[in-house]
């Protein structure tokens, strides 16, 4: 039984001690959120009605 207990103990440790890889880190999440936001803004801004509305708002701003 001792050999079986060692195998079980080693497998339990190996599964718990593994580092998380992929998009689970803090920096990676922020980068993914930033890129997604920029993509959504780009797609949103390229629509002609949105461009017209933003252009109208910018024309109302006083110029120096």
C-alpha atoms as a PDB file:
ATOM      1  CA  UNK A   1       0.000   0.000   0.000  1.00  0.00           C
ATOM      2  CA  UNK A   2       2.914   2.319   0.552  1.00  0.00           C
ATOM      3  CA  UNK A   3       3.645   2.610  -3.174  1.00  0.00           C
ATOM      4  CA  UNK A   4      -0.016   3.366  -3.920  1.00  0.00           C
ATOM      5  CA  UNK A   5      -0.069   6.066  -1.229  1.00  0.00           C
ATOM      6  CA  UNK A   6       3.037   7.677  -2.733  1.00  0.00           C
ATOM      7  CA  UNK A   7       1.468   7.737  -6.202  1.00  0.00           C
ATOM      8  CA  UNK A   8      -1.732   9.314  -4.871  1.00  0.00           C
ATOM      9  CA  UNK A   9       0.228  11.886  -2.861  1.00  0.00           C
ATOM     10  CA  UNK A  10       2.421  12.809  -5.836  1.00  0.00           C
ATOM     11  CA  UNK A  11      -0.541  13.178  -8.182  1.00  0.00           C
ATOM     12  CA  UNK A  12      -2.423  15.370  -5.733  1.00  0.00           C
ATOM     13  CA  UNK A  13       0.599  17.627  -5.314  1.00  0.00           C
ATOM     14  CA  UNK A  14       1.265  17.827  -9.034  1.00  0.00           C
ATOM     15  CA  UNK A  15      -2.283  18.855  -9.858  1.00  0.00           C
ATOM     16  CA  UNK A  16      -2.392  21.553  -7.162  1.00  0.00           C
ATOM     17  CA  UNK A  17       1.053  23.029  -7.669  1.00  0.00           C
ATOM     18  CA  UNK A  18       0.819  23.686 -11.414  1.00  0.00           C
ATOM     19  CA  UNK A  19       0.968  27.316 -12.431  1.00  0.00           C
ATOM     20  CA  UNK A  20      -2.001  28.691 -14.228  1.00  0.00           C
ATOM     21  CA  UNK A  21      -1.219  29.499 -17.798  1.00  0.00           C
ATOM     22  CA  UNK A  22      -3.131  31.314 -20.460  1.00  0.00           C
ATOM     23  CA  UNK A  23      -5.242  34.409 -19.944  1.00  0.00           C
ATOM     24  CA  UNK A  24      -5.550  34.058 -16.194  1.00  0.00           C
ATOM     25  CA  UNK A  25      -2.890  36.538 -15.162  1.00  0.00           C
ATOM     26  CA  UNK A  26      -3.764  40.077 -14.170  1.00  0.00           C
ATOM     27  CA  UNK A  27      -1.848  41.760 -16.978  1.00  0.00           C
ATOM     28  CA  UNK A  28      -3.293  39.447 -19.585  1.00  0.00           C
ATOM     29  CA  UNK A  29      -6.857  40.168 -18.448  1.00  0.00           C
ATOM     30  CA  UNK A  30      -6.285  43.917 -18.600  1.00  0.00           C
ATOM     31  CA  UNK A  31      -4.707  43.614 -22.040  1.00  0.00           C
ATOM     32  CA  UNK A  32      -7.586  41.504 -23.329  1.00  0.00           C
ATOM     33  CA  UNK A  33     -10.142  43.944 -21.916  1.00  0.00           C
ATOM     34  CA  UNK A  34      -8.300  46.909 -23.445  1.00  0.00           C
ATOM     35  CA  UNK A  35      -8.047  45.325 -26.874  1.00  0.00           C
ATOM     36  CA  UNK A  36     -11.693  44.284 -26.819  1.00  0.00           C
ATOM     37  CA  UNK A  37     -12.771  47.794 -25.811  1.00  0.00           C
ATOM     38  CA  UNK A  38     -10.710  49.362 -28.574  1.00  0.00           C
ATOM     39  CA  UNK A  39     -12.171  46.971 -31.123  1.00  0.00           C
ATOM     40  CA  UNK A  40     -15.737  47.724 -30.029  1.00  0.00           C
ATOM     41  CA  UNK A  41     -15.076  51.473 -30.115  1.00  0.00           C
ATOM     42  CA  UNK A  42     -13.535  51.208 -33.578  1.00  0.00           C
ATOM     43  CA  UNK A  43     -16.485  49.246 -34.948  1.00  0.00           C
ATOM     44  CA  UNK A  44     -18.942  51.602 -33.248  1.00  0.00           C
ATOM     45  CA  UNK A  45     -17.211  54.748 -34.518  1.00  0.00           C
ATOM     46  CA  UNK A  46     -17.006  53.554 -38.124  1.00  0.00           C
ATOM     47  CA  UNK A  47     -20.808  53.554 -38.434  1.00  0.00           C
ATOM     48  CA  UNK A  48     -21.950  56.599 -40.499  1.00  0.00           C
ATOM     49  CA  UNK A  49     -24.766  57.724 -38.112  1.00  0.00           C
ATOM     50  CA  UNK A  50     -22.336  57.714 -35.211  1.00  0.00           C
ATOM     51  CA  UNK A  51     -19.776  59.709 -37.175  1.00  0.00           C
ATOM     52  CA  UNK A  52     -22.445  62.258 -38.098  1.00  0.00           C
ATOM     53  CA  UNK A  53     -23.620  62.601 -34.484  1.00  0.00           C
ATOM     54  CA  UNK A  54     -20.085  63.023 -33.133  1.00  0.00           C
ATOM     55  CA  UNK A  55     -19.265  65.493 -35.903  1.00  0.00           C
ATOM     56  CA  UNK A  56     -22.342  67.550 -34.990  1.00  0.00           C
ATOM     57  CA  UNK A  57     -21.308  67.582 -31.330  1.00  0.00           C
ATOM     58  CA  UNK A  58     -17.767  68.640 -32.207  1.00  0.00           C
ATOM     59  CA  UNK A  59     -19.066  71.475 -34.394  1.00  0.00           C
ATOM     60  CA  UNK A  60     -20.908  72.926 -31.395  1.00  0.00           C
ATOM     61  CA  UNK A  61     -17.706  73.250 -29.378  1.00  0.00           C
ATOM     62  CA  UNK A  62     -16.276  76.767 -29.275  1.00  0.00           C
ATOM     63  CA  UNK A  63     -13.064  77.229 -31.206  1.00  0.00           C
ATOM     64  CA  UNK A  64     -10.272  79.469 -29.920  1.00  0.00           C
END
